[in-house]
């Protein structure tokens, strides 16, 4: 197999590595957007918990001591418990998602390193091939010059 063919194959492999890095980058961007949605949802759920009040009563300015019926108070506390459970489930999902993001980040870093290493190898091989071509060309030019000189001597 010729050196030029090997370099061409290395170039194709480099392109595949580049595509892998791009794919993982796109996946990472998608995961970041999902993480942001989780954080936004958690903020909204926390806001719902805070606005429902400590006892389940809603504070209204101008009222001295708003009282809720026991049934309504139970209903509001049940609502608040459900919201807090949902927030806890979202936090768990977020932590699992962040672990997945970390795994993807590690894969992307490894793929980028492989791409960079292959790029350096390809650059060295191309430079070596270019030097070999330059040496052959110089040798050819020297041979031609020698032939011209020898013809001039006759």
N, C-alpha and C. Protein backbone atom coordinates (compact mmCIF):
# COMPACT_ATOMS: atom_id res chain seq x y z
N UNK A 1 0.85 -1.17 0.00
CA UNK A 1 0.00 0.00 0.00
C UNK A 1 0.90 1.23 0.00
N UNK A 2 0.60 2.16 -0.86
CA UNK A 2 1.43 3.35 -1.00
C UNK A 2 1.22 4.30 0.18
N UNK A 3 2.20 5.15 0.38
CA UNK A 3 2.12 6.12 1.47
C UNK A 3 0.96 7.09 1.24
N UNK A 4 0.73 7.46 0.00
CA UNK A 4 -0.37 8.37 -0.31
C UNK A 4 -1.71 7.73 0.04
N UNK A 5 -1.85 6.45 -0.24
CA UNK A 5 -3.09 5.74 0.08
C UNK A 5 -3.29 5.65 1.60
N UNK A 6 -2.21 5.38 2.33
CA UNK A 6 -2.30 5.33 3.79
C UNK A 6 -2.71 6.68 4.35
N UNK A 7 -2.16 7.74 3.78
CA UNK A 7 -2.50 9.09 4.24
C UNK A 7 -3.97 9.39 3.93
N UNK A 8 -4.43 8.94 2.77
CA UNK A 8 -5.84 9.14 2.42
C UNK A 8 -6.74 8.41 3.42
N UNK A 9 -6.38 7.19 3.76
CA UNK A 9 -7.16 6.44 4.74
C UNK A 9 -7.12 7.09 6.12
N UNK A 10 -5.97 7.61 6.50
CA UNK A 10 -5.88 8.34 7.76
C UNK A 10 -6.77 9.58 7.74
N UNK A 11 -6.83 10.24 6.60
CA UNK A 11 -7.72 11.40 6.45
C UNK A 11 -9.18 11.01 6.63
N UNK A 12 -9.56 9.87 6.07
CA UNK A 12 -10.94 9.39 6.23
C UNK A 12 -11.22 9.04 7.69
N UNK A 13 -10.26 8.41 8.34
CA UNK A 13 -10.42 8.08 9.76
C UNK A 13 -10.51 9.35 10.59
N UNK A 14 -9.72 10.34 10.24
CA UNK A 14 -9.77 11.63 10.94
C UNK A 14 -11.15 12.26 10.78
N UNK A 15 -11.73 12.17 9.60
CA UNK A 15 -13.07 12.71 9.37
C UNK A 15 -14.11 11.98 10.23
N UNK A 16 -13.95 10.66 10.35
CA UNK A 16 -14.87 9.90 11.20
C UNK A 16 -14.74 10.33 12.67
N UNK A 17 -13.51 10.53 13.11
CA UNK A 17 -13.29 10.99 14.49
C UNK A 17 -13.91 12.38 14.69
N UNK A 18 -13.80 13.22 13.69
CA UNK A 18 -14.37 14.57 13.78
C UNK A 18 -15.90 14.49 13.89
N UNK A 19 -16.50 13.61 13.11
CA UNK A 19 -17.95 13.43 13.17
C UNK A 19 -18.38 12.92 14.55
N UNK A 20 -17.56 12.03 15.11
CA UNK A 20 -17.87 11.50 16.44
C UNK A 20 -17.86 12.62 17.48
N UNK A 21 -16.86 13.49 17.40
CA UNK A 21 -16.78 14.62 18.32
C UNK A 21 -17.98 15.54 18.12
N UNK A 22 -18.34 15.81 16.88
CA UNK A 22 -19.50 16.67 16.61
C UNK A 22 -20.80 16.05 17.14
N UNK A 23 -20.95 14.74 16.95
CA UNK A 23 -22.15 14.05 17.43
C UNK A 23 -22.24 14.14 18.96
N UNK A 24 -21.11 13.90 19.62
CA UNK A 24 -21.11 13.97 21.08
C UNK A 24 -21.33 15.41 21.56
N UNK A 25 -20.82 16.38 20.81
CA UNK A 25 -21.05 17.78 21.17
C UNK A 25 -22.53 18.13 21.06
N UNK A 26 -23.17 17.65 20.01
CA UNK A 26 -24.61 17.89 19.83
C UNK A 26 -25.40 17.20 20.94
N UNK A 27 -25.00 15.99 21.28
CA UNK A 27 -25.67 15.28 22.37
C UNK A 27 -25.50 16.02 23.69
N UNK A 28 -24.30 16.56 23.90
CA UNK A 28 -24.04 17.31 25.12
C UNK A 28 -24.89 18.58 25.17
N UNK A 29 -25.06 19.24 24.05
CA UNK A 29 -25.90 20.44 24.00
C UNK A 29 -27.35 20.10 24.32
N UNK A 30 -27.82 18.99 23.80
CA UNK A 30 -29.18 18.53 24.10
C UNK A 30 -29.33 18.24 25.59
N UNK A 31 -28.32 17.60 26.15
CA UNK A 31 -28.36 17.28 27.58
C UNK A 31 -28.32 18.55 28.43
N UNK A 32 -27.58 19.55 28.00
CA UNK A 32 -27.54 20.81 28.74
C UNK A 32 -28.92 21.48 28.73
N UNK A 33 -29.58 21.42 27.58
CA UNK A 33 -30.92 22.01 27.48
C UNK A 33 -31.90 21.25 28.39
N UNK A 34 -31.79 19.94 28.42
CA UNK A 34 -32.65 19.14 29.30
C UNK A 34 -32.37 19.46 30.76
N UNK A 35 -31.10 19.62 31.09
CA UNK A 35 -30.73 19.99 32.46
C UNK A 35 -31.35 21.33 32.84
N UNK A 36 -31.30 22.27 31.91
CA UNK A 36 -31.88 23.58 32.19
C UNK A 36 -33.39 23.48 32.39
N UNK A 37 -34.06 22.62 31.64
CA UNK A 37 -35.50 22.42 31.84
C UNK A 37 -35.78 21.84 33.22
N UNK A 38 -34.95 20.88 33.64
CA UNK A 38 -35.09 20.33 34.99
C UNK A 38 -34.95 21.44 36.04
N UNK A 39 -33.93 22.27 35.88
CA UNK A 39 -33.70 23.35 36.84
C UNK A 39 -34.86 24.34 36.86
N UNK A 40 -35.39 24.68 35.68
CA UNK A 40 -36.54 25.58 35.60
C UNK A 40 -37.76 24.96 36.28
N UNK A 41 -37.99 23.67 36.03
CA UNK A 41 -39.13 22.99 36.66
C UNK A 41 -38.97 22.95 38.18
N UNK A 42 -37.76 22.68 38.64
CA UNK A 42 -37.52 22.66 40.08
C UNK A 42 -37.76 24.03 40.70
N UNK A 43 -37.36 25.07 40.01
CA UNK A 43 -37.59 26.42 40.52
C UNK A 43 -39.09 26.70 40.62
N UNK A 44 -39.85 26.27 39.62
CA UNK A 44 -41.30 26.46 39.65
C UNK A 44 -41.95 25.65 40.77
N UNK A 45 -41.49 24.42 40.94
CA UNK A 45 -42.04 23.59 42.00
C UNK A 45 -41.72 24.17 43.38
N UNK A 46 -40.51 24.66 43.55
CA UNK A 46 -40.14 25.31 44.81
C UNK A 46 -40.99 26.54 45.05
N UNK A 47 -41.24 27.28 43.99
CA UNK A 47 -42.08 28.47 44.10
C UNK A 47 -43.50 28.08 44.52
N UNK A 48 -44.01 26.99 43.97
CA UNK A 48 -45.35 26.51 44.37
C UNK A 48 -45.38 26.13 45.85
N UNK A 49 -44.32 25.50 46.32
CA UNK A 49 -44.25 25.14 47.75
C UNK A 49 -44.22 26.38 48.62
N UNK A 50 -43.44 27.36 48.23
CA UNK A 50 -43.30 28.57 49.03
C UNK A 50 -44.61 29.35 49.05
N UNK A 51 -45.27 29.46 47.93
CA UNK A 51 -46.49 30.27 47.86
C UNK A 51 -47.68 29.60 48.53
N UNK A 52 -47.59 28.30 48.77
CA UNK A 52 -48.72 27.67 49.47
C UNK A 52 -48.68 27.95 50.96
N UNK A 53 -47.59 28.49 51.46
CA UNK A 53 -47.50 28.91 52.85
C UNK A 53 -47.07 27.78 53.77
N UNK A 54 -46.67 28.15 54.99
CA UNK A 54 -46.18 27.17 55.94
C UNK A 54 -47.29 26.26 56.44
N UNK A 55 -48.47 26.81 56.63
CA UNK A 55 -49.57 26.00 57.15
C UNK A 55 -50.57 25.63 56.07
N UNK A 56 -50.31 26.03 54.91
CA UNK A 56 -51.25 25.77 53.83
C UNK A 56 -52.19 26.93 53.60
N UNK A 57 -52.09 27.98 54.39
CA UNK A 57 -52.95 29.14 54.22
C UNK A 57 -52.28 30.14 53.31
N UNK A 58 -53.06 30.77 52.50
CA UNK A 58 -52.55 31.82 51.64
C UNK A 58 -52.70 33.14 52.38
N UNK A 59 -51.64 33.90 52.43
CA UNK A 59 -51.69 35.20 53.10
C UNK A 59 -52.23 36.22 52.12
N UNK A 60 -53.22 36.96 52.58
CA UNK A 60 -53.77 38.03 51.76
C UNK A 60 -53.63 39.33 52.54
N UNK A 61 -53.03 40.34 51.94
CA UNK A 61 -52.88 41.61 52.65
C UNK A 61 -54.24 42.15 53.06
N UNK A 62 -54.31 42.69 54.28
CA UNK A 62 -55.56 43.25 54.77
C UNK A 62 -56.32 42.30 55.67
N UNK A 63 -56.04 41.02 55.60
CA UNK A 63 -56.70 40.07 56.48
C UNK A 63 -55.87 39.93 57.74
N UNK A 64 -56.53 39.87 58.84
CA UNK A 64 -55.78 39.78 60.10
C UNK A 64 -55.30 38.36 60.34
N UNK A 65 -56.17 37.43 60.35
CA UNK A 65 -55.77 36.04 60.56
C UNK A 65 -56.68 35.14 59.74
N UNK A 66 -56.27 34.87 58.50
CA UNK A 66 -57.13 34.04 57.66
C UNK A 66 -57.16 32.61 58.19
N UNK A 67 -58.30 32.07 58.29
CA UNK A 67 -58.46 30.70 58.78
C UNK A 67 -59.05 29.85 57.67
N UNK A 68 -58.53 28.67 57.54
CA UNK A 68 -59.07 27.73 56.56
C UNK A 68 -59.81 26.64 57.32
N UNK A 69 -60.80 26.10 56.67
CA UNK A 69 -61.50 24.98 57.29
C UNK A 69 -60.54 23.80 57.37
N UNK A 70 -60.76 22.87 58.29
CA UNK A 70 -59.87 21.71 58.40
C UNK A 70 -59.80 20.91 57.10
N UNK A 71 -60.88 20.77 56.40
CA UNK A 71 -60.88 20.01 55.14
C UNK A 71 -60.04 20.72 54.08
N UNK A 72 -60.21 22.03 54.00
CA UNK A 72 -59.43 22.80 53.03
C UNK A 72 -57.95 22.80 53.42
N UNK A 73 -57.67 22.89 54.70
CA UNK A 73 -56.29 22.85 55.17
C UNK A 73 -55.64 21.51 54.83
N UNK A 74 -56.39 20.40 55.01
CA UNK A 74 -55.88 19.08 54.63
C UNK A 74 -55.64 19.00 53.13
N UNK A 75 -56.53 19.55 52.37
CA UNK A 75 -56.40 19.55 50.91
C UNK A 75 -55.14 20.31 50.49
N UNK A 76 -54.93 21.49 51.09
CA UNK A 76 -53.76 22.30 50.72
C UNK A 76 -52.48 21.61 51.17
N UNK A 77 -52.49 21.00 52.35
CA UNK A 77 -51.28 20.31 52.81
C UNK A 77 -50.99 19.09 51.95
N UNK A 78 -52.05 18.39 51.51
CA UNK A 78 -51.86 17.26 50.59
C UNK A 78 -51.26 17.73 49.27
N UNK A 79 -51.77 18.86 48.79
CA UNK A 79 -51.24 19.45 47.55
C UNK A 79 -49.75 19.77 47.71
N UNK A 80 -49.42 20.41 48.85
CA UNK A 80 -48.03 20.79 49.09
C UNK A 80 -47.14 19.55 49.19
N UNK A 81 -47.64 18.49 49.80
CA UNK A 81 -46.86 17.24 49.91
C UNK A 81 -46.61 16.64 48.53
N UNK A 82 -47.63 16.65 47.68
CA UNK A 82 -47.48 16.12 46.32
C UNK A 82 -46.44 16.94 45.55
N UNK A 83 -46.50 18.26 45.69
CA UNK A 83 -45.55 19.13 44.99
C UNK A 83 -44.13 18.86 45.49
N UNK A 84 -43.99 18.70 46.81
CA UNK A 84 -42.65 18.42 47.37
C UNK A 84 -42.14 17.05 46.91
N UNK A 85 -43.03 16.05 46.82
CA UNK A 85 -42.62 14.73 46.32
C UNK A 85 -42.20 14.81 44.85
N UNK A 86 -42.95 15.59 44.09
CA UNK A 86 -42.61 15.76 42.68
C UNK A 86 -41.25 16.46 42.54
N UNK A 87 -41.00 17.45 43.38
CA UNK A 87 -39.71 18.14 43.34
C UNK A 87 -38.58 17.18 43.72
N UNK A 88 -38.82 16.32 44.70
CA UNK A 88 -37.81 15.34 45.09
C UNK A 88 -37.52 14.37 43.94
N UNK A 89 -38.58 13.94 43.26
CA UNK A 89 -38.40 13.04 42.11
C UNK A 89 -37.63 13.75 41.00
N UNK A 90 -37.93 15.02 40.78
CA UNK A 90 -37.21 15.80 39.76
C UNK A 90 -35.74 15.95 40.15
N UNK A 91 -35.45 16.16 41.43
CA UNK A 91 -34.06 16.27 41.86
C UNK A 91 -33.30 14.97 41.62
N UNK A 92 -33.97 13.86 41.89
CA UNK A 92 -33.36 12.56 41.63
C UNK A 92 -33.10 12.38 40.14
N UNK A 93 -34.10 12.70 39.33
CA UNK A 93 -33.93 12.61 37.87
C UNK A 93 -32.81 13.53 37.40
N UNK A 94 -32.74 14.71 37.98
CA UNK A 94 -31.68 15.65 37.61
C UNK A 94 -30.32 15.10 37.96
N UNK A 95 -30.18 14.49 39.13
CA UNK A 95 -28.88 13.95 39.50
C UNK A 95 -28.47 12.80 38.57
N UNK A 96 -29.45 11.97 38.19
CA UNK A 96 -29.16 10.89 37.23
C UNK A 96 -28.77 11.48 35.87
N UNK A 97 -29.49 12.51 35.47
CA UNK A 97 -29.20 13.16 34.19
C UNK A 97 -27.82 13.79 34.21
N UNK A 98 -27.45 14.42 35.32
CA UNK A 98 -26.12 15.03 35.42
C UNK A 98 -25.02 13.98 35.38
N UNK A 99 -25.29 12.79 35.96
CA UNK A 99 -24.32 11.69 35.87
C UNK A 99 -24.15 11.26 34.41
N UNK A 100 -25.27 11.21 33.69
CA UNK A 100 -25.21 10.86 32.26
C UNK A 100 -24.46 11.94 31.48
N UNK A 101 -24.68 13.19 31.86
CA UNK A 101 -23.96 14.30 31.20
C UNK A 101 -22.45 14.16 31.43
N UNK A 102 -22.07 13.80 32.65
CA UNK A 102 -20.66 13.64 32.95
C UNK A 102 -20.05 12.51 32.12
N UNK A 103 -20.80 11.42 31.96
CA UNK A 103 -20.34 10.31 31.13
C UNK A 103 -20.16 10.77 29.68
N UNK A 104 -21.13 11.51 29.17
CA UNK A 104 -21.04 12.02 27.80
C UNK A 104 -19.86 12.97 27.66
N UNK A 105 -19.63 13.81 28.67
CA UNK A 105 -18.50 14.74 28.65
C UNK A 105 -17.18 13.98 28.59
N UNK A 106 -17.08 12.90 29.36
CA UNK A 106 -15.86 12.09 29.33
C UNK A 106 -15.67 11.44 27.97
N UNK A 107 -16.76 10.93 27.39
CA UNK A 107 -16.67 10.34 26.05
C UNK A 107 -16.24 11.38 25.02
N UNK A 108 -16.81 12.59 25.14
CA UNK A 108 -16.47 13.64 24.20
C UNK A 108 -15.01 14.05 24.35
N UNK A 109 -14.53 14.14 25.58
CA UNK A 109 -13.13 14.48 25.81
C UNK A 109 -12.20 13.42 25.22
N UNK A 110 -12.54 12.15 25.46
CA UNK A 110 -11.73 11.06 24.91
C UNK A 110 -11.75 11.08 23.38
N UNK A 111 -12.91 11.33 22.80
CA UNK A 111 -13.01 11.38 21.34
C UNK A 111 -12.22 12.56 20.79
N UNK A 112 -12.24 13.68 21.48
CA UNK A 112 -11.48 14.85 21.03
C UNK A 112 -9.98 14.57 21.11
N UNK A 113 -9.56 13.87 22.15
CA UNK A 113 -8.13 13.50 22.26
C UNK A 113 -7.72 12.57 21.13
N UNK A 114 -8.57 11.56 20.85
CA UNK A 114 -8.25 10.64 19.75
C UNK A 114 -8.18 11.40 18.42
N UNK A 115 -9.11 12.32 18.22
CA UNK A 115 -9.13 13.13 17.00
C UNK A 115 -7.85 13.95 16.90
N UNK A 116 -7.47 14.58 18.00
CA UNK A 116 -6.28 15.43 17.98
C UNK A 116 -5.02 14.59 17.74
N UNK A 117 -4.93 13.43 18.39
CA UNK A 117 -3.77 12.57 18.20
C UNK A 117 -3.68 12.10 16.75
N UNK A 118 -4.81 11.72 16.19
CA UNK A 118 -4.83 11.26 14.80
C UNK A 118 -4.49 12.41 13.85
N UNK A 119 -4.94 13.60 14.17
CA UNK A 119 -4.63 14.78 13.37
C UNK A 119 -3.13 15.04 13.38
N UNK A 120 -2.50 14.90 14.52
CA UNK A 120 -1.05 15.09 14.61
C UNK A 120 -0.30 14.03 13.81
N UNK A 121 -0.76 12.78 13.89
CA UNK A 121 -0.13 11.71 13.11
C UNK A 121 -0.28 12.00 11.62
N UNK A 122 -1.47 12.39 11.22
CA UNK A 122 -1.71 12.69 9.81
C UNK A 122 -0.85 13.85 9.33
N UNK A 123 -0.72 14.88 10.16
CA UNK A 123 0.12 16.03 9.80
C UNK A 123 1.57 15.59 9.61
N UNK A 124 2.06 14.77 10.53
CA UNK A 124 3.45 14.27 10.41
C UNK A 124 3.63 13.42 9.15
N UNK A 125 2.65 12.54 8.89
CA UNK A 125 2.75 11.68 7.69
C UNK A 125 2.73 12.52 6.41
N UNK A 126 1.86 13.53 6.38
CA UNK A 126 1.81 14.39 5.20
C UNK A 126 3.13 15.14 5.01
N UNK A 127 3.68 15.63 6.10
CA UNK A 127 4.96 16.35 6.02
C UNK A 127 6.06 15.42 5.54
N UNK A 128 6.06 14.19 6.05
CA UNK A 128 7.07 13.20 5.64
C UNK A 128 6.92 12.88 4.15
N UNK A 129 5.70 12.70 3.69
CA UNK A 129 5.46 12.42 2.28
C UNK A 129 5.89 13.61 1.42
N UNK A 130 5.58 14.81 1.88
CA UNK A 130 5.97 16.01 1.14
C UNK A 130 7.50 16.12 1.04
N UNK A 131 8.18 15.82 2.16
CA UNK A 131 9.65 15.84 2.13
C UNK A 131 10.20 14.80 1.16
N UNK A 132 9.59 13.60 1.17
CA UNK A 132 10.03 12.54 0.26
C UNK A 132 9.81 12.96 -1.19
N UNK A 133 8.68 13.58 -1.47
CA UNK A 133 8.43 14.07 -2.83
C UNK A 133 9.43 15.15 -3.22
N UNK A 134 9.72 16.04 -2.27
CA UNK A 134 10.69 17.11 -2.55
C UNK A 134 12.07 16.53 -2.82
N UNK A 135 12.45 15.50 -2.07
CA UNK A 135 13.75 14.85 -2.29
C UNK A 135 13.78 14.19 -3.66
N UNK A 136 12.69 13.49 -4.01
CA UNK A 136 12.63 12.85 -5.34
C UNK A 136 12.71 13.89 -6.45
N UNK A 137 11.98 14.99 -6.27
CA UNK A 137 11.99 16.06 -7.27
C UNK A 137 13.38 16.66 -7.40
N UNK A 138 14.01 16.88 -6.26
CA UNK A 138 15.36 17.44 -6.29
C UNK A 138 16.33 16.48 -6.97
N UNK A 139 16.18 15.20 -6.68
CA UNK A 139 17.04 14.19 -7.32
C UNK A 139 16.81 14.18 -8.83
N UNK A 140 15.53 14.28 -9.21
CA UNK A 140 15.21 14.31 -10.64
C UNK A 140 15.84 15.55 -11.30
N UNK A 141 15.72 16.69 -10.63
CA UNK A 141 16.32 17.92 -11.17
C UNK A 141 17.84 17.79 -11.26
N UNK A 142 18.44 17.18 -10.24
CA UNK A 142 19.90 16.97 -10.27
C UNK A 142 20.30 16.05 -11.40
N UNK A 143 19.52 14.99 -11.63
CA UNK A 143 19.82 14.07 -12.74
C UNK A 143 19.72 14.79 -14.08
N UNK A 144 18.70 15.61 -14.24
CA UNK A 144 18.56 16.36 -15.48
C UNK A 144 19.73 17.33 -15.66
N UNK A 145 20.09 17.99 -14.59
CA UNK A 145 21.21 18.93 -14.67
C UNK A 145 22.51 18.20 -15.02
N UNK A 146 22.69 17.01 -14.44
CA UNK A 146 23.89 16.23 -14.74
C UNK A 146 23.91 15.81 -16.22
N UNK A 147 22.74 15.40 -16.74
CA UNK A 147 22.68 15.00 -18.14
C UNK A 147 22.99 16.19 -19.06
N UNK A 148 22.45 17.34 -18.73
CA UNK A 148 22.72 18.52 -19.55
C UNK A 148 24.20 18.87 -19.48
N UNK A 149 24.77 18.78 -18.33
CA UNK A 149 26.20 19.11 -18.17
C UNK A 149 27.07 18.12 -18.95
N UNK A 150 26.70 16.81 -18.86
CA UNK A 150 27.47 15.80 -19.57
C UNK A 150 27.35 15.98 -21.10
N UNK A 151 26.22 16.39 -21.60
CA UNK A 151 26.04 16.64 -23.03
C UNK A 151 26.89 17.83 -23.47
N UNK A 152 27.01 18.79 -22.56
CA UNK A 152 27.82 19.97 -22.87
C UNK A 152 29.30 19.63 -22.91
N UNK A 153 29.74 18.58 -22.25
CA UNK A 153 31.14 18.17 -22.20
C UNK A 153 31.57 17.43 -23.47
N UNK A 154 30.68 16.87 -24.23
CA UNK A 154 31.02 16.11 -25.41
C UNK A 154 31.34 16.94 -26.57
